[in-house]
Amino acid sequence: MATHNSFPFHPSIFLCVVASLGFSQTCIGFKAKHLNLTTFGTRWSWAGATWYGSPNGAGSDGGSCGYGNVVSQPPFSSMVTGIGPSLYKSGKECGACYKIKCPKRMHPSCSGKPMRVVITDCCPGGPCVTDSAHFDLSGTAFGAMAKAGEEVKLRDAGILKIRYARIACNYSGRTIAFHVDLGSNSNYFAVLVEYEEGDGDLAAVSLKEASMGSEEWRSMQQSWGAVWKLDAASEMQPPFSIQLTSQYSRETIVAKNVIPENWKPGATYRSLVNYL
């Protein structure tokens, strides 16, 4: 029985998990605020901001959430961020959306206009740990906070103080997709969940086999980042339905028979459902 996960290990995952568990002094005693969609976007807070990768790129090739090269493609379009351990929460916040803005008084090249970014990576060291909240933005996202034509000047500013607010994710009608881990087989199934609207992050994922009219939902475990897995004692029978529970609103939706009988490791299957 295979019980491995073939997603490449990302060094920042371990470091962010360690920091999130309180081994970094700056994270000890951190308590997450309970949010819901009615308060998203209304609570602005201060954070530090840096950028990494190429000046007009997506930061890294997918980052520790496991999204891979889709971070540079629509709907992410490189408007993504690595996040410090206090907001990353061991990967549980992968997919969460934030508005960020650089107030004009912080730097002469700041536009003050809010931009949306999505958490796709973890930032495990330096100011990401010492700041109570820190966004390590892609070069594209960092430059988007600048006045037109002053992107280079802003990227040369070093660490900035910015404002941020949690918002609901909206992908303009795109439905949730499931990318199957290359190591999946009849006894082990792992899937990367993409494009959740609303909360953007997940509290629970469950799988149900269609065989023999089973109504049993089997809980999946967060493997790492946005990847969820299920180890089975016996061979699983597809097609599979996947049930998703959002992190804060606790809304549950079902992608019925989204993984077909002839599913293939490495394939992506798009559902007909999403939040909102």
C-alpha atoms as a PDB file:
ATOM      1  CA  MET A   1       0.000   0.000   0.000  1.00  0.00           C
ATOM      2  CA  ALA A   2       1.535   3.271  -1.111  1.00  0.00           C
ATOM      3  CA  THR A   3       1.358   6.044   1.465  1.00  0.00           C
ATOM      4  CA  HIS A   4       3.643   8.680   0.000  1.00  0.00           C
ATOM      5  CA  ASN A   5       3.067  12.177  -1.310  1.00  0.00           C
ATOM      6  CA  SER A   6       4.963  13.051  -4.473  1.00  0.00           C
ATOM      7  CA  PHE A   7       4.528  16.810  -4.245  1.00  0.00           C
ATOM      8  CA  PRO A   8       8.039  18.306  -3.979  1.00  0.00           C
ATOM      9  CA  PHE A   9       9.033  19.274  -0.443  1.00  0.00           C
ATOM     10  CA  HIS A  10       9.301  23.036  -0.035  1.00  0.00           C
ATOM     11  CA  PRO A  11      11.910  24.128   2.564  1.00  0.00           C
ATOM     12  CA  SER A  12       9.721  26.925   3.884  1.00  0.00           C
ATOM     13  CA  ILE A  13       6.960  24.506   4.859  1.00  0.00           C
ATOM     14  CA  PHE A  14       8.933  23.033   7.761  1.00  0.00           C
ATOM     15  CA  LEU A  15      10.163  26.429   8.926  1.00  0.00           C
ATOM     16  CA  CYS A  16       6.677  27.930   8.815  1.00  0.00           C
ATOM     17  CA  VAL A  17       5.175  24.970  10.652  1.00  0.00           C
ATOM     18  CA  VAL A  18       7.808  25.317  13.373  1.00  0.00           C
ATOM     19  CA  ALA A  19       7.192  29.046  13.719  1.00  0.00           C
ATOM     20  CA  SER A  20       3.413  28.589  13.673  1.00  0.00           C
ATOM     21  CA  LEU A  21       3.642  26.075  16.502  1.00  0.00           C
ATOM     22  CA  GLY A  22       5.169  28.736  18.729  1.00  0.00           C
ATOM     23  CA  PHE A  23       8.862  27.939  18.613  1.00  0.00           C
ATOM     24  CA  SER A  24       9.415  31.484  17.395  1.00  0.00           C
ATOM     25  CA  GLN A  25       8.847  33.984  20.189  1.00  0.00           C
ATOM     26  CA  THR A  26       6.962  36.328  17.891  1.00  0.00           C
ATOM     27  CA  CYS A  27       4.282  33.695  17.348  1.00  0.00           C
ATOM     28  CA  ILE A  28       3.780  32.605  20.941  1.00  0.00           C
ATOM     29  CA  GLY A  29       0.375  33.643  22.200  1.00  0.00           C
ATOM     30  CA  PHE A  30      -0.945  34.525  18.738  1.00  0.00           C
ATOM     31  CA  LYS A  31      -4.688  34.080  18.612  1.00  0.00           C
ATOM     32  CA  ALA A  32      -6.528  34.194  15.305  1.00  0.00           C
ATOM     33  CA  LYS A  33      -9.481  36.516  15.049  1.00  0.00           C
ATOM     34  CA  HIS A  34     -12.746  34.854  14.119  1.00  0.00           C
ATOM     35  CA  LEU A  35     -13.809  36.304  10.786  1.00  0.00           C
ATOM     36  CA  ASN A  36     -16.862  36.007   8.618  1.00  0.00           C
ATOM     37  CA  LEU A  37     -17.859  37.368   5.239  1.00  0.00           C
ATOM     38  CA  THR A  38     -19.765  40.274   6.758  1.00  0.00           C
ATOM     39  CA  THR A  39     -16.568  41.690   8.287  1.00  0.00           C
ATOM     40  CA  PHE A  40     -14.134  40.843   5.484  1.00  0.00           C
ATOM     41  CA  GLY A  41     -12.582  43.996   4.068  1.00  0.00           C
ATOM     42  CA  THR A  42     -13.655  46.247   6.932  1.00  0.00           C
ATOM     43  CA  ARG A  43     -10.778  45.689   9.392  1.00  0.00           C
ATOM     44  CA  TRP A  44      -7.602  47.329   8.161  1.00  0.00           C
ATOM     45  CA  SER A  45      -4.388  46.496  10.025  1.00  0.00           C
ATOM     46  CA  TRP A  46      -0.694  47.302   9.633  1.00  0.00           C
ATOM     47  CA  ALA A  47       1.891  44.886   8.255  1.00  0.00           C
ATOM     48  CA  GLY A  48       5.393  44.885   6.858  1.00  0.00           C
ATOM     49  CA  ALA A  49       5.929  44.196   3.161  1.00  0.00           C
ATOM     50  CA  THR A  50       8.842  43.019   1.034  1.00  0.00           C
ATOM     51  CA  TRP A  51       9.050  41.277  -2.338  1.00  0.00           C
ATOM     52  CA  TYR A  52      10.950  38.336  -3.791  1.00  0.00           C
ATOM     53  CA  GLY A  53      11.625  36.634  -7.094  1.00  0.00           C
ATOM     54  CA  SER A  54      11.838  38.558 -10.346  1.00  0.00           C
ATOM     55  CA  PRO A  55      10.597  42.181 -10.482  1.00  0.00           C
ATOM     56  CA  ASN A  56       7.636  41.275 -12.697  1.00  0.00           C
ATOM     57  CA  GLY A  57       7.204  37.672 -11.633  1.00  0.00           C
ATOM     58  CA  ALA A  58       5.078  35.525  -9.331  1.00  0.00           C
ATOM     59  CA  GLY A  59       7.586  35.215  -6.482  1.00  0.00           C
ATOM     60  CA  SER A  60       8.383  31.517  -6.696  1.00  0.00           C
ATOM     61  CA  ASP A  61       7.222  28.569  -8.748  1.00  0.00           C
ATOM     62  CA  GLY A  62       4.060  27.964  -6.782  1.00  0.00           C
ATOM     63  CA  GLY A  63       5.464  28.205  -3.287  1.00  0.00           C
ATOM     64  CA  SER A  64       4.753  26.144  -0.194  1.00  0.00           C
ATOM     65  CA  CYS A  65       0.981  25.971  -0.762  1.00  0.00           C
ATOM     66  CA  GLY A  66       1.576  23.677  -3.742  1.00  0.00           C
ATOM     67  CA  TYR A  67      -0.215  25.622  -6.487  1.00  0.00           C
ATOM     68  CA  GLY A  68       2.675  25.219  -8.920  1.00  0.00           C
ATOM     69  CA  ASN A  69       2.888  27.338 -12.053  1.00  0.00           C
ATOM     70  CA  VAL A  70      -0.803  28.338 -11.938  1.00  0.00           C
ATOM     71  CA  VAL A  71       0.224  31.250  -9.680  1.00  0.00           C
ATOM     72  CA  SER A  72       1.430  33.112 -12.775  1.00  0.00           C
ATOM     73  CA  GLN A  73      -1.765  32.382 -14.715  1.00  0.00           C
ATOM     74  CA  PRO A  74      -5.308  33.806 -14.414  1.00  0.00           C
ATOM     75  CA  PRO A  75      -7.034  34.196 -12.025  1.00  0.00           C
ATOM     76  CA  PHE A  76      -3.965  34.548  -9.779  1.00  0.00           C
ATOM     77  CA  SER A  77      -2.020  36.403 -12.487  1.00  0.00           C
ATOM     78  CA  SER A  78       1.061  36.722 -10.238  1.00  0.00           C
ATOM     79  CA  MET A  79      -0.887  38.846  -7.715  1.00  0.00           C
ATOM     80  CA  VAL A  80       0.216  36.518  -4.946  1.00  0.00           C
ATOM     81  CA  THR A  81       2.116  36.643  -1.678  1.00  0.00           C
ATOM     82  CA  GLY A  82       4.144  34.655   0.768  1.00  0.00           C
ATOM     83  CA  ILE A  83       2.997  35.333   4.305  1.00  0.00           C
ATOM     84  CA  GLY A  84       4.570  35.254   7.753  1.00  0.00           C
ATOM     85  CA  PRO A  85       3.811  32.352  10.124  1.00  0.00           C
ATOM     86  CA  SER A  86       1.211  34.312  12.128  1.00  0.00           C
ATOM     87  CA  LEU A  87      -1.102  34.446   9.103  1.00  0.00           C
ATOM     88  CA  TYR A  88       0.105  31.335   7.269  1.00  0.00           C
ATOM     89  CA  LYS A  89      -0.932  29.058  10.142  1.00  0.00           C
ATOM     90  CA  SER A  90       0.914  25.966   8.907  1.00  0.00           C
ATOM     91  CA  GLY A  91      -0.725  26.260   5.483  1.00  0.00           C
ATOM     92  CA  LYS A  92      -4.314  26.424   6.691  1.00  0.00           C
ATOM     93  CA  GLU A  93      -4.626  29.916   5.179  1.00  0.00           C
ATOM     94  CA  CYS A  94      -3.436  28.926   1.704  1.00  0.00           C
ATOM     95  CA  GLY A  95      -5.863  30.471  -0.786  1.00  0.00           C
ATOM     96  CA  ALA A  96      -7.033  33.281   1.503  1.00  0.00           C
ATOM     97  CA  CYS A  97      -7.437  36.678  -0.157  1.00  0.00           C
ATOM     98  CA  TYR A  98      -6.372  40.068   1.142  1.00  0.00           C
ATOM     99  CA  LYS A  99      -6.575  43.673   0.090  1.00  0.00           C
ATOM    100  CA  ILE A 100      -3.291  45.504   0.529  1.00  0.00           C
ATOM    101  CA  LYS A 101      -2.379  49.134  -0.005  1.00  0.00           C
ATOM    102  CA  CYS A 102       0.673  51.292   0.462  1.00  0.00           C
ATOM    103  CA  PRO A 103      -0.378  54.639   2.026  1.00  0.00           C
ATOM    104  CA  LYS A 104       1.147  57.625   0.242  1.00  0.00           C
ATOM    105  CA  ARG A 105       2.716  58.869   3.482  1.00  0.00           C
ATOM    106  CA  MET A 106       4.783  55.672   3.710  1.00  0.00           C
ATOM    107  CA  HIS A 107       6.676  56.333   0.465  1.00  0.00           C
ATOM    108  CA  PRO A 108       6.393  58.961  -2.300  1.00  0.00           C
ATOM    109  CA  SER A 109       5.886  56.223  -4.922  1.00  0.00           C
ATOM    110  CA  CYS A 110       2.917  54.630  -3.106  1.00  0.00           C
ATOM    111  CA  SER A 111      -0.392  55.028  -4.932  1.00  0.00           C
ATOM    112  CA  GLY A 112      -2.618  54.354  -1.901  1.00  0.00           C
ATOM    113  CA  LYS A 113      -4.879  52.177  -4.078  1.00  0.00           C
ATOM    114  CA  PRO A 114      -5.931  48.753  -2.718  1.00  0.00           C
ATOM    115  CA  MET A 115      -4.946  45.597  -4.595  1.00  0.00           C
ATOM    116  CA  ARG A 116      -6.020  41.980  -4.090  1.00  0.00           C
ATOM    117  CA  VAL A 117      -3.444  39.288  -3.388  1.00  0.00           C
ATOM    118  CA  VAL A 118      -3.789  35.570  -2.636  1.00  0.00           C
ATOM    119  CA  ILE A 119      -1.691  33.575  -0.155  1.00  0.00           C
ATOM    120  CA  THR A 120       0.291  30.992  -2.116  1.00  0.00           C
ATOM    121  CA  ASP A 121       3.514  30.734  -0.134  1.00  0.00           C
ATOM    122  CA  CYS A 122       5.098  31.033   3.301  1.00  0.00           C
ATOM    123  CA  CYS A 123       7.819  33.466   4.325  1.00  0.00           C
ATOM    124  CA  PRO A 124       9.651  31.785   7.211  1.00  0.00           C
ATOM    125  CA  GLY A 125      12.439  34.115   8.261  1.00  0.00           C
ATOM    126  CA  GLY A 126      13.691  37.658   8.782  1.00  0.00           C
ATOM    127  CA  PRO A 127      10.981  40.342   8.995  1.00  0.00           C
ATOM    128  CA  CYS A 128       8.338  37.713   8.211  1.00  0.00           C
ATOM    129  CA  VAL A 129       8.911  36.369  11.720  1.00  0.00           C
ATOM    130  CA  THR A 130       9.806  39.543  13.590  1.00  0.00           C
ATOM    131  CA  ASP A 131       6.801  41.504  12.260  1.00  0.00           C
ATOM    132  CA  SER A 132       3.437  40.680  13.802  1.00  0.00           C
ATOM    133  CA  ALA A 133       2.155  40.386  10.220  1.00  0.00           C
ATOM    134  CA  HIS A 134       4.258  40.410   7.080  1.00  0.00           C
ATOM    135  CA  PHE A 135       3.562  40.052   3.344  1.00  0.00           C
ATOM    136  CA  ASP A 136       6.443  38.874   1.144  1.00  0.00           C
ATOM    137  CA  LEU A 137       4.862  39.815  -2.150  1.00  0.00           C
ATOM    138  CA  SER A 138       5.653  38.771  -5.683  1.00  0.00           C
ATOM    139  CA  GLY A 139       7.458  41.448  -7.643  1.00  0.00           C
ATOM    140  CA  THR A 140       4.273  41.970  -9.646  1.00  0.00           C
ATOM    141  CA  ALA A 141       2.096  42.492  -6.566  1.00  0.00           C
ATOM    142  CA  PHE A 142       4.603  44.787  -4.860  1.00  0.00           C
ATOM    143  CA  GLY A 143       4.895  46.943  -7.981  1.00  0.00           C
ATOM    144  CA  ALA A 144       1.098  47.104  -8.285  1.00  0.00           C
ATOM    145  CA  MET A 145       1.014  49.266  -5.145  1.00  0.00           C
ATOM    146  CA  ALA A 146       3.046  51.990  -6.897  1.00  0.00           C
ATOM    147  CA  LYS A 147       2.007  55.042  -8.826  1.00  0.00           C
ATOM    148  CA  ALA A 148       2.061  54.476 -12.585  1.00  0.00           C
ATOM    149  CA  GLY A 149       5.631  54.424 -13.830  1.00  0.00           C
ATOM    150  CA  GLU A 150       7.171  54.306 -10.341  1.00  0.00           C
ATOM    151  CA  GLU A 151       7.162  50.553  -9.788  1.00  0.00           C
ATOM    152  CA  VAL A 152      10.968  50.330  -9.811  1.00  0.00           C
ATOM    153  CA  LYS A 153      11.313  53.115  -7.249  1.00  0.00           C
ATOM    154  CA  LEU A 154       8.877  51.380  -4.924  1.00  0.00           C
ATOM    155  CA  ARG A 155      10.598  48.012  -5.270  1.00  0.00           C
ATOM    156  CA  ASP A 156      13.855  49.716  -4.311  1.00  0.00           C
ATOM    157  CA  ALA A 157      12.327  50.984  -1.058  1.00  0.00           C
ATOM    158  CA  GLY A 158      13.162  47.900   1.025  1.00  0.00           C
ATOM    159  CA  ILE A 159      10.705  47.039   3.806  1.00  0.00           C
ATOM    160  CA  LEU A 160       7.467  49.014   3.603  1.00  0.00           C
ATOM    161  CA  LYS A 161       4.658  49.517   6.042  1.00  0.00           C
ATOM    162  CA  ILE A 162       1.364  48.665   4.378  1.00  0.00           C
ATOM    163  CA  ARG A 163      -2.277  48.251   5.324  1.00  0.00           C
ATOM    164  CA  TYR A 164      -4.098  44.967   4.840  1.00  0.00           C
ATOM    165  CA  ALA A 165      -7.619  43.591   5.244  1.00  0.00           C
ATOM    166  CA  ARG A 166      -9.019  40.102   4.753  1.00  0.00           C
ATOM    167  CA  ILE A 167     -11.538  39.941   1.907  1.00  0.00           C
ATOM    168  CA  ALA A 168     -13.724  37.314   0.275  1.00  0.00           C
ATOM    169  CA  CYS A 169     -12.167  35.651  -2.776  1.00  0.00           C
ATOM    170  CA  ASN A 170     -13.963  36.109  -6.074  1.00  0.00           C
ATOM    171  CA  TYR A 171     -12.749  34.395  -9.233  1.00  0.00           C
ATOM    172  CA  SER A 172     -15.475  35.629 -11.603  1.00  0.00           C
ATOM    173  CA  GLY A 173     -17.423  32.419 -11.927  1.00  0.00           C
ATOM    174  CA  ARG A 174     -14.495  29.992 -12.035  1.00  0.00           C
ATOM    175  CA  THR A 175     -15.370  26.712 -10.329  1.00  0.00           C
ATOM    176  CA  ILE A 176     -13.251  24.784  -7.833  1.00  0.00           C
ATOM    177  CA  ALA A 177     -10.609  22.516  -9.373  1.00  0.00           C
ATOM    178  CA  PHE A 178      -8.875  19.436  -7.981  1.00  0.00           C
ATOM    179  CA  HIS A 179      -5.323  18.566  -9.061  1.00  0.00           C
ATOM    180  CA  VAL A 180      -4.489  14.941  -8.235  1.00  0.00           C
ATOM    181  CA  ASP A 181      -1.089  14.209  -6.676  1.00  0.00           C
ATOM    182  CA  LEU A 182       1.239  12.226  -8.905  1.00  0.00           C
ATOM    183  CA  GLY A 183       1.714   9.705  -6.065  1.00  0.00           C
ATOM    184  CA  SER A 184      -1.993   8.871  -5.789  1.00  0.00           C
ATOM    185  CA  ASN A 185      -3.177   5.306  -6.315  1.00  0.00           C
ATOM    186  CA  SER A 186      -6.068   3.030  -5.345  1.00  0.00           C
ATOM    187  CA  ASN A 187      -5.089   3.110  -1.647  1.00  0.00           C
ATOM    188  CA  TYR A 188      -3.766   6.649  -1.334  1.00  0.00           C
ATOM    189  CA  PHE A 189      -5.454   9.723  -2.746  1.00  0.00           C
ATOM    190  CA  ALA A 190      -4.140  13.290  -2.451  1.00  0.00           C
ATOM    191  CA  VAL A 191      -5.490  16.364  -4.134  1.00  0.00           C
ATOM    192  CA  LEU A 192      -4.638  20.052  -4.389  1.00  0.00           C
ATOM    193  CA  VAL A 193      -7.762  22.202  -4.042  1.00  0.00           C
ATOM    194  CA  GLU A 194      -7.798  25.382  -6.148  1.00  0.00           C
ATOM    195  CA  TYR A 195      -9.927  28.536  -6.608  1.00  0.00           C
ATOM    196  CA  GLU A 196     -12.245  28.463  -3.600  1.00  0.00           C
ATOM    197  CA  GLU A 197     -14.336  31.618  -3.560  1.00  0.00           C
ATOM    198  CA  GLY A 198     -15.646  33.177  -0.360  1.00  0.00           C
ATOM    199  CA  ASP A 199     -13.354  32.348   2.573  1.00  0.00           C
ATOM    200  CA  GLY A 200     -10.703  31.066   0.164  1.00  0.00           C
ATOM    201  CA  ASP A 201      -9.392  28.569   2.706  1.00  0.00           C
ATOM    202  CA  LEU A 202     -10.718  25.289   4.039  1.00  0.00           C
ATOM    203  CA  ALA A 203     -11.455  23.845   7.483  1.00  0.00           C
ATOM    204  CA  ALA A 204     -12.221  20.296   6.331  1.00  0.00           C
ATOM    205  CA  VAL A 205     -12.268  18.103   3.236  1.00  0.00           C
ATOM    206  CA  SER A 206     -14.017  14.732   2.941  1.00  0.00           C
ATOM    207  CA  LEU A 207     -14.258  12.092   0.228  1.00  0.00           C
ATOM    208  CA  LYS A 208     -17.075   9.705  -0.639  1.00  0.00           C
ATOM    209  CA  GLU A 209     -16.863   6.708  -2.929  1.00  0.00           C
ATOM    210  CA  ALA A 210     -19.742   6.101  -5.314  1.00  0.00           C
ATOM    211  CA  SER A 211     -19.506   2.318  -5.108  1.00  0.00           C
ATOM    212  CA  MET A 212     -22.357   0.328  -3.611  1.00  0.00           C
ATOM    213  CA  GLY A 213     -24.368   3.443  -2.838  1.00  0.00           C
ATOM    214  CA  SER A 214     -22.124   4.327   0.094  1.00  0.00           C
ATOM    215  CA  GLU A 215     -23.145   7.413   2.060  1.00  0.00           C
ATOM    216  CA  GLU A 216     -20.015   7.427   4.190  1.00  0.00           C
ATOM    217  CA  TRP A 217     -17.904  10.565   4.029  1.00  0.00           C
ATOM    218  CA  ARG A 218     -14.270   9.848   4.872  1.00  0.00           C
ATOM    219  CA  SER A 219     -12.286  12.712   6.379  1.00  0.00           C
ATOM    220  CA  MET A 220      -9.162  13.751   4.540  1.00  0.00           C
ATOM    221  CA  GLN A 221      -6.132  15.195   6.311  1.00  0.00           C
ATOM    222  CA  GLN A 222      -4.260  18.333   5.353  1.00  0.00           C
ATOM    223  CA  SER A 223      -1.006  16.957   3.950  1.00  0.00           C
ATOM    224  CA  TRP A 224       0.712  20.328   3.443  1.00  0.00           C
ATOM    225  CA  GLY A 225      -0.304  23.692   2.057  1.00  0.00           C
ATOM    226  CA  ALA A 226      -3.500  23.311   0.033  1.00  0.00           C
ATOM    227  CA  VAL A 227      -3.002  19.543  -0.424  1.00  0.00           C
ATOM    228  CA  TRP A 228      -5.384  17.112   1.312  1.00  0.00           C
ATOM    229  CA  LYS A 229      -4.883  13.339   1.491  1.00  0.00           C
ATOM    230  CA  LEU A 230      -6.630  10.097   2.402  1.00  0.00           C
ATOM    231  CA  ASP A 231      -4.881   6.824   3.262  1.00  0.00           C
ATOM    232  CA  ALA A 232      -7.181   3.835   2.860  1.00  0.00           C
ATOM    233  CA  ALA A 233      -6.864   0.337   4.300  1.00  0.00           C
ATOM    234  CA  SER A 234      -8.526  -1.145   1.228  1.00  0.00           C
ATOM    235  CA  GLU A 235      -8.775  -0.219  -2.430  1.00  0.00           C
ATOM    236  CA  MET A 236     -10.991   2.806  -3.052  1.00  0.00           C
ATOM    237  CA  GLN A 237     -13.638   2.681  -5.737  1.00  0.00           C
ATOM    238  CA  PRO A 238     -14.165   5.785  -7.911  1.00  0.00           C
ATOM    239  CA  PRO A 239     -15.840   7.997  -8.932  1.00  0.00           C
ATOM    240  CA  PHE A 240     -15.235  10.195  -5.876  1.00  0.00           C
ATOM    241  CA  SER A 241     -17.325  13.069  -4.559  1.00  0.00           C
ATOM    242  CA  ILE A 242     -15.491  15.677  -2.498  1.00  0.00           C
ATOM    243  CA  GLN A 243     -17.072  17.701   0.292  1.00  0.00           C
ATOM    244  CA  LEU A 244     -15.482  21.023   1.274  1.00  0.00           C
ATOM    245  CA  THR A 245     -16.104  23.023   4.458  1.00  0.00           C
ATOM    246  CA  SER A 246     -14.923  26.632   4.482  1.00  0.00           C
ATOM    247  CA  GLN A 247     -12.733  27.898   7.300  1.00  0.00           C
ATOM    248  CA  TYR A 248     -14.743  30.736   8.829  1.00  0.00           C
ATOM    249  CA  SER A 249     -18.292  30.662   7.484  1.00  0.00           C
ATOM    250  CA  ARG A 250     -18.343  26.832   7.876  1.00  0.00           C
ATOM    251  CA  GLU A 251     -20.358  26.572   4.672  1.00  0.00           C
ATOM    252  CA  THR A 252     -20.249  23.107   3.111  1.00  0.00           C
ATOM    253  CA  ILE A 253     -20.496  22.317  -0.590  1.00  0.00           C
ATOM    254  CA  VAL A 254     -20.172  19.038  -2.507  1.00  0.00           C
ATOM    255  CA  ALA A 255     -18.457  18.427  -5.827  1.00  0.00           C
ATOM    256  CA  LYS A 256     -20.385  15.314  -6.818  1.00  0.00           C
ATOM    257  CA  ASN A 257     -18.449  12.603  -8.674  1.00  0.00           C
ATOM    258  CA  VAL A 258     -15.812  15.208  -9.563  1.00  0.00           C
ATOM    259  CA  ILE A 259     -13.046  12.579  -9.695  1.00  0.00           C
ATOM    260  CA  PRO A 260     -14.086  10.142 -12.458  1.00  0.00           C
ATOM    261  CA  GLU A 261     -13.698   6.370 -12.594  1.00  0.00           C
ATOM    262  CA  ASN A 262     -10.719   6.616 -14.953  1.00  0.00           C
ATOM    263  CA  TRP A 263      -8.912   9.340 -12.999  1.00  0.00           C
ATOM    264  CA  LYS A 264      -5.195   9.803 -13.577  1.00  0.00           C
ATOM    265  CA  PRO A 265      -2.444  10.991 -11.216  1.00  0.00           C
ATOM    266  CA  GLY A 266      -1.321  14.461 -12.237  1.00  0.00           C
ATOM    267  CA  ALA A 267      -4.643  15.346 -13.883  1.00  0.00           C
ATOM    268  CA  THR A 268      -6.809  18.315 -12.905  1.00  0.00           C
ATOM    269  CA  TYR A 269     -10.584  17.921 -12.632  1.00  0.00           C
ATOM    270  CA  ARG A 270     -12.856  20.935 -12.576  1.00  0.00           C
ATOM    271  CA  SER A 271     -16.078  20.824 -10.547  1.00  0.00           C
ATOM    272  CA  LEU A 272     -19.414  22.523 -11.203  1.00  0.00           C
ATOM    273  CA  VAL A 273     -19.525  24.221  -7.812  1.00  0.00           C
ATOM    274  CA  ASN A 274     -18.009  27.043  -5.789  1.00  0.00           C
ATOM    275  CA  TYR A 275     -18.850  29.222  -2.805  1.00  0.00           C
ATOM    276  CA  LEU A 276     -20.791  32.529  -3.119  1.00  0.00           C
END
